[in-house]
């Protein structure tokens, strides 16, 4: 079995499990991981949970009577993201460690928070265009047309931003297995300084961010396991992803999901996860 060595795209599997069809358009550029759209499954009454992913989401609830849009940072533990039925939602998920291009906001402002979109972006025209549409491709075009303007306008990069990009890049490329002492050696900065600038920018310590990336890498590998292969490959997955042993992996998984890997695999099969996920 070939294990994925890096997080290709931050995942929120409970978003998929609680919908009848979940549409996903992969970008992997401009700091964006992918766009998604879904309608709540009317047969499922449970709330949709978000789990830690080190990423920022912007989602638009396209409800005719009460439309809304929010910028949401990564959660630190499982939290309710959505409630209610038959809501059509359009969202954009940024790559881990990337933030919306705004002069007045950094990733640390959104950790475990949900901030009204208009308070951050102030683009009422974009808001109204997206919430009145039910066409996924059109919504993507509307968002990118507005987003790229600010993306290219904000192009000044200081030394600290270069450092933060370097730190995030190395953590992700090593799938969360790089120690902060190694980052300090590479950058020639002290461990204390690296912790300080990372927390200021991202609202997380490098260690916490690394744990999220390692967990997302684990999730990515579990999601792609063929039915019945979980027990056979568990030890191999555990060791290659960077956990000390299975007990360590299970403890981390429970912390981030409130369930065990085996129960999670059962949910994937029960909800027919891969059939609900539609890549466009």
Protein backbone atom coordinates (compact mmCIF):
# COMPACT_ATOMS: atom_id res chain seq x y z
CA UNK A 1 0.00 0.00 0.00
CA UNK A 2 1.26 3.50 -0.87
CA UNK A 3 0.67 6.10 1.80
CA UNK A 4 0.07 9.72 0.92
CA UNK A 5 2.96 11.79 2.24
CA UNK A 6 1.26 15.14 2.39
CA UNK A 7 -2.15 16.67 2.85
CA UNK A 8 -3.50 17.24 -0.63
CA UNK A 9 -6.63 19.02 0.50
CA UNK A 10 -7.97 19.77 4.02
CA UNK A 11 -10.98 17.58 4.68
CA UNK A 12 -14.22 18.02 6.59
CA UNK A 13 -15.74 14.53 6.19
CA UNK A 14 -18.82 15.22 8.31
CA UNK A 15 -19.87 17.86 5.79
CA UNK A 16 -20.00 15.11 3.17
CA UNK A 17 -21.61 12.48 5.40
CA UNK A 18 -24.55 14.72 6.26
CA UNK A 19 -25.46 15.64 2.70
CA UNK A 20 -27.03 13.73 -0.14
CA UNK A 21 -24.57 15.19 -2.66
CA UNK A 22 -21.45 17.20 -1.91
CA UNK A 23 -19.85 18.99 -4.87
CA UNK A 24 -16.15 19.81 -4.77
CA UNK A 25 -14.02 21.77 -7.25
CA UNK A 26 -10.30 21.51 -6.56
CA UNK A 27 -8.14 24.62 -7.06
CA UNK A 28 -4.85 24.16 -5.16
CA UNK A 29 -3.69 27.64 -6.15
CA UNK A 30 -3.95 31.26 -4.97
CA UNK A 31 -4.01 29.95 -1.40
CA UNK A 32 -7.29 28.12 -2.11
CA UNK A 33 -7.73 24.38 -1.64
CA UNK A 34 -11.18 23.93 -3.15
CA UNK A 35 -14.74 25.14 -3.50
CA UNK A 36 -17.71 23.12 -2.28
CA UNK A 37 -21.48 23.19 -2.35
CA UNK A 38 -24.11 21.04 -0.72
CA UNK A 39 -27.68 20.87 0.43
CA UNK A 40 -28.52 19.36 3.79
CA UNK A 41 -29.92 15.86 3.63
CA UNK A 42 -33.53 16.12 4.82
CA UNK A 43 -33.41 12.56 6.17
CA UNK A 44 -30.60 13.44 8.59
CA UNK A 45 -31.48 15.50 11.66
CA UNK A 46 -28.04 15.65 13.26
CA UNK A 47 -25.89 18.78 13.20
CA UNK A 48 -22.85 18.95 10.97
CA UNK A 49 -19.57 18.99 12.86
CA UNK A 50 -16.34 20.70 11.83
CA UNK A 51 -13.03 19.16 12.86
CA UNK A 52 -9.55 20.74 13.09
CA UNK A 53 -7.88 21.27 9.71
CA UNK A 54 -5.63 24.33 10.10
CA UNK A 55 -7.67 26.10 7.42
CA UNK A 56 -10.06 28.98 6.91
CA UNK A 57 -13.46 28.58 5.25
CA UNK A 58 -15.79 31.18 3.81
CA UNK A 59 -19.29 29.85 3.43
CA UNK A 60 -22.49 31.35 2.07
CA UNK A 61 -25.85 30.10 3.31
CA UNK A 62 -28.07 30.73 0.27
CA UNK A 63 -31.37 30.81 2.12
CA UNK A 64 -33.99 33.02 0.46
CA UNK A 65 -35.47 34.20 3.74
CA UNK A 66 -32.32 34.52 5.84
CA UNK A 67 -29.11 34.52 3.77
CA UNK A 68 -25.79 34.80 5.53
CA UNK A 69 -22.05 34.41 4.99
CA UNK A 70 -19.19 33.88 7.42
CA UNK A 71 -15.43 33.59 7.57
CA UNK A 72 -14.57 30.66 9.83
CA UNK A 73 -11.17 29.72 11.17
CA UNK A 74 -10.02 26.28 12.14
CA UNK A 75 -11.61 24.77 15.22
CA UNK A 76 -9.39 23.26 17.91
CA UNK A 77 -11.72 20.36 18.63
CA UNK A 78 -14.98 19.10 17.06
CA UNK A 79 -17.64 21.83 16.99
CA UNK A 80 -21.07 22.22 15.41
CA UNK A 81 -20.74 24.08 12.10
CA UNK A 82 -24.28 23.90 10.70
CA UNK A 83 -27.76 23.08 11.96
CA UNK A 84 -31.13 22.87 10.22
CA UNK A 85 -32.27 21.10 7.07
CA UNK A 86 -32.45 21.86 3.35
CA UNK A 87 -29.97 24.72 3.41
CA UNK A 88 -27.96 25.17 0.23
CA UNK A 89 -24.43 26.20 1.11
CA UNK A 90 -21.57 27.36 -1.07
CA UNK A 91 -18.10 27.51 0.41
CA UNK A 92 -14.41 28.03 -0.25
CA UNK A 93 -11.75 26.31 1.82
CA UNK A 94 -8.28 27.80 1.91
CA UNK A 95 -5.12 25.74 2.06
CA UNK A 96 -3.76 25.16 5.60
CA UNK A 97 -1.90 28.21 6.84
CA UNK A 98 -3.37 30.49 4.18
CA UNK A 99 -5.66 33.40 4.90
CA UNK A 100 -7.97 35.56 2.85
CA UNK A 101 -6.10 38.50 1.37
CA UNK A 102 -7.16 41.33 3.63
CA UNK A 103 -5.05 44.16 4.99
CA UNK A 104 -6.98 44.08 8.24
CA UNK A 105 -7.04 40.37 9.03
CA UNK A 106 -4.66 37.53 9.76
CA UNK A 107 -5.36 33.88 10.35
CA UNK A 108 -5.10 34.33 14.13
CA UNK A 109 -8.24 36.51 14.05
CA UNK A 110 -10.39 33.57 12.98
CA UNK A 111 -9.24 30.58 15.06
CA UNK A 112 -12.34 29.00 16.61
CA UNK A 113 -14.33 32.03 15.46
CA UNK A 114 -17.06 32.80 12.95
CA UNK A 115 -16.95 36.37 11.64
CA UNK A 116 -19.59 37.86 9.29
CA UNK A 117 -18.23 37.93 5.74
CA UNK A 118 -19.22 41.56 5.13
CA UNK A 119 -17.32 42.64 8.26
CA UNK A 120 -14.13 41.19 6.79
CA UNK A 121 -14.43 41.56 3.04
CA UNK A 122 -17.03 44.31 2.74
CA UNK A 123 -18.01 43.09 -0.73
CA UNK A 124 -21.79 43.37 -0.72
CA UNK A 125 -22.01 42.84 -4.48
CA UNK A 126 -20.22 39.50 -4.20
CA UNK A 127 -22.37 38.50 -1.24
CA UNK A 128 -25.60 39.22 -3.11
CA UNK A 129 -24.36 37.55 -6.30
CA UNK A 130 -23.49 34.30 -4.55
CA UNK A 131 -26.52 34.00 -2.24
CA UNK A 132 -28.95 34.52 -5.12
CA UNK A 133 -27.35 31.83 -7.28
CA UNK A 134 -27.72 28.05 -7.13
CA UNK A 135 -25.21 27.41 -9.91
CA UNK A 136 -21.95 26.06 -8.45
CA UNK A 137 -19.75 27.03 -11.41
CA UNK A 138 -21.21 30.53 -11.55
CA UNK A 139 -20.64 31.02 -7.82
CA UNK A 140 -16.99 30.00 -8.24
CA UNK A 141 -16.52 32.51 -11.07
CA UNK A 142 -18.11 35.28 -9.01
CA UNK A 143 -15.86 34.57 -6.04
CA UNK A 144 -12.63 34.29 -8.05
CA UNK A 145 -13.37 37.49 -10.00
CA UNK A 146 -13.58 39.43 -6.72
CA UNK A 147 -10.92 37.51 -4.79
CA UNK A 148 -8.15 37.75 -7.39
CA UNK A 149 -8.36 41.54 -7.38
CA UNK A 150 -7.37 41.68 -3.72
CA UNK A 151 -4.97 38.73 -4.11
CA UNK A 152 -2.86 40.62 -6.65
CA UNK A 153 -3.28 44.02 -5.00
CA UNK A 154 -1.75 42.87 -1.72
CA UNK A 155 1.68 41.82 -2.93
CA UNK A 156 4.05 43.36 -0.41
CA UNK A 157 5.85 40.61 1.47
CA UNK A 158 7.96 41.42 4.51
CA UNK A 159 10.61 39.34 6.22
CA UNK A 160 8.20 38.03 8.82
CA UNK A 161 5.66 36.93 6.20
CA UNK A 162 8.44 35.17 4.31
CA UNK A 163 9.37 33.38 7.52
CA UNK A 164 5.77 32.35 8.18
CA UNK A 165 5.40 31.01 4.65
CA UNK A 166 8.63 29.06 5.04
CA UNK A 167 7.49 27.54 8.34
CA UNK A 168 4.06 26.54 7.02
CA UNK A 169 5.53 25.15 3.82
CA UNK A 170 8.01 22.97 5.68
CA UNK A 171 5.43 21.68 8.15
CA UNK A 172 3.05 20.71 5.33
CA UNK A 173 5.73 19.22 3.09
CA UNK A 174 6.78 17.01 5.99
CA UNK A 175 3.14 16.14 6.76
CA UNK A 176 3.33 17.54 10.28
CA UNK A 177 6.34 15.44 11.27
CA UNK A 178 8.89 18.25 11.47
CA UNK A 179 9.96 19.29 14.98
CA UNK A 180 10.21 22.94 15.91
CA UNK A 181 13.90 22.44 16.72
CA UNK A 182 14.44 21.44 13.09
CA UNK A 183 12.61 24.56 11.93
CA UNK A 184 14.80 26.67 14.21
CA UNK A 185 17.93 25.09 12.78
CA UNK A 186 16.78 25.70 9.20
CA UNK A 187 15.78 29.32 9.76
CA UNK A 188 18.56 30.23 12.21
CA UNK A 189 15.93 31.73 14.53
CA UNK A 190 15.37 30.61 18.11
CA UNK A 191 12.58 28.22 19.07
CA UNK A 192 11.09 30.97 21.21
CA UNK A 193 11.01 33.47 18.32
CA UNK A 194 9.49 30.96 15.92
CA UNK A 195 6.75 30.15 18.43
CA UNK A 196 6.10 33.86 18.95
CA UNK A 197 5.73 34.86 15.29
CA UNK A 198 3.76 31.73 14.42
CA UNK A 199 1.21 32.28 17.18
CA UNK A 200 0.87 35.97 16.25
CA UNK A 201 0.11 35.12 12.62
CA UNK A 202 -1.82 31.87 12.88
CA UNK A 203 -3.21 31.81 16.41
CA UNK A 204 -1.65 28.37 16.89
CA UNK A 205 1.71 27.11 18.01
CA UNK A 206 3.80 25.31 15.37
CA UNK A 207 3.30 22.13 17.38
CA UNK A 208 -0.51 22.44 17.36
CA UNK A 209 -0.55 23.24 13.65
CA UNK A 210 1.74 20.27 12.95
CA UNK A 211 -0.58 17.95 14.87
CA UNK A 212 -3.52 19.14 12.76
CA UNK A 213 -1.58 18.55 9.54
CA UNK A 214 -0.53 15.07 10.66
CA UNK A 215 -4.14 14.29 11.61
CA UNK A 216 -5.40 15.53 8.24
CA UNK A 217 -2.81 13.32 6.55
CA UNK A 218 -4.11 10.37 8.57
CA UNK A 219 -7.68 11.25 7.61
CA UNK A 220 -6.75 11.45 3.96
CA UNK A 221 -5.23 7.98 4.06
CA UNK A 222 -8.17 6.47 5.96
CA UNK A 223 -10.66 7.96 3.50
CA UNK A 224 -8.94 6.20 0.63
CA UNK A 225 -8.62 2.77 2.23
CA UNK A 226 -10.53 0.05 0.48
CA UNK A 227 -13.28 -1.65 2.47
CA UNK A 228 -11.87 -4.32 4.78
CA UNK A 229 -8.28 -3.04 4.60
CA UNK A 230 -8.34 -0.98 7.82
CA UNK A 231 -7.09 -3.64 10.26
CA UNK A 232 -4.51 -4.92 7.79
CA UNK A 233 -2.90 -1.53 7.19
CA UNK A 234 -3.38 0.18 10.56
CA UNK A 235 0.13 -0.47 11.87
CA UNK A 236 1.74 0.67 8.61
CA UNK A 237 -0.36 3.83 8.52
CA UNK A 238 0.39 4.60 12.17
CA UNK A 239 4.15 4.40 11.83
CA UNK A 240 4.60 6.10 8.46
CA UNK A 241 2.40 9.06 9.38
CA UNK A 242 4.59 9.73 12.40
CA UNK A 243 2.77 8.36 15.45
CA UNK A 244 4.70 6.48 18.10
CA UNK A 245 2.24 3.60 18.12
CA UNK A 246 -1.43 2.79 17.56
CA UNK A 247 -2.38 4.03 21.03
CA UNK A 248 -0.84 7.42 20.24
CA UNK A 249 -2.67 7.61 16.90
CA UNK A 250 -6.02 6.62 18.39
CA UNK A 251 -5.66 9.18 21.18
CA UNK A 252 -4.98 11.96 18.66
CA UNK A 253 -7.84 10.83 16.45
CA UNK A 254 -10.29 10.82 19.36
CA UNK A 255 -9.13 14.29 20.38
CA UNK A 256 -9.85 15.70 16.92
CA UNK A 257 -13.05 13.77 16.12
CA UNK A 258 -14.60 12.49 19.37
CA UNK A 259 -14.59 8.99 17.89
CA UNK A 260 -12.16 6.16 17.17
CA UNK A 261 -10.60 5.36 13.79
CA UNK A 262 -12.51 2.07 13.57
CA UNK A 263 -15.87 3.77 14.25
CA UNK A 264 -14.98 6.47 11.76
CA UNK A 265 -14.29 3.85 9.10
CA UNK A 266 -17.68 2.35 9.89
CA UNK A 267 -19.31 5.75 9.29
CA UNK A 268 -17.57 6.08 5.94
CA UNK A 269 -19.07 2.78 4.82
CA UNK A 270 -22.49 3.42 6.38
CA UNK A 271 -22.90 6.82 4.73
CA UNK A 272 -21.34 5.69 1.42
CA UNK A 273 -18.95 8.62 1.64
CA UNK A 274 -17.36 8.22 -1.79
CA UNK A 275 -20.75 8.14 -3.53
CA UNK A 276 -21.83 11.40 -1.90
CA UNK A 277 -18.59 13.19 -2.86
CA UNK A 278 -18.74 14.52 -6.43
CA UNK A 279 -15.56 16.06 -7.86
CA UNK A 280 -16.31 18.53 -10.65
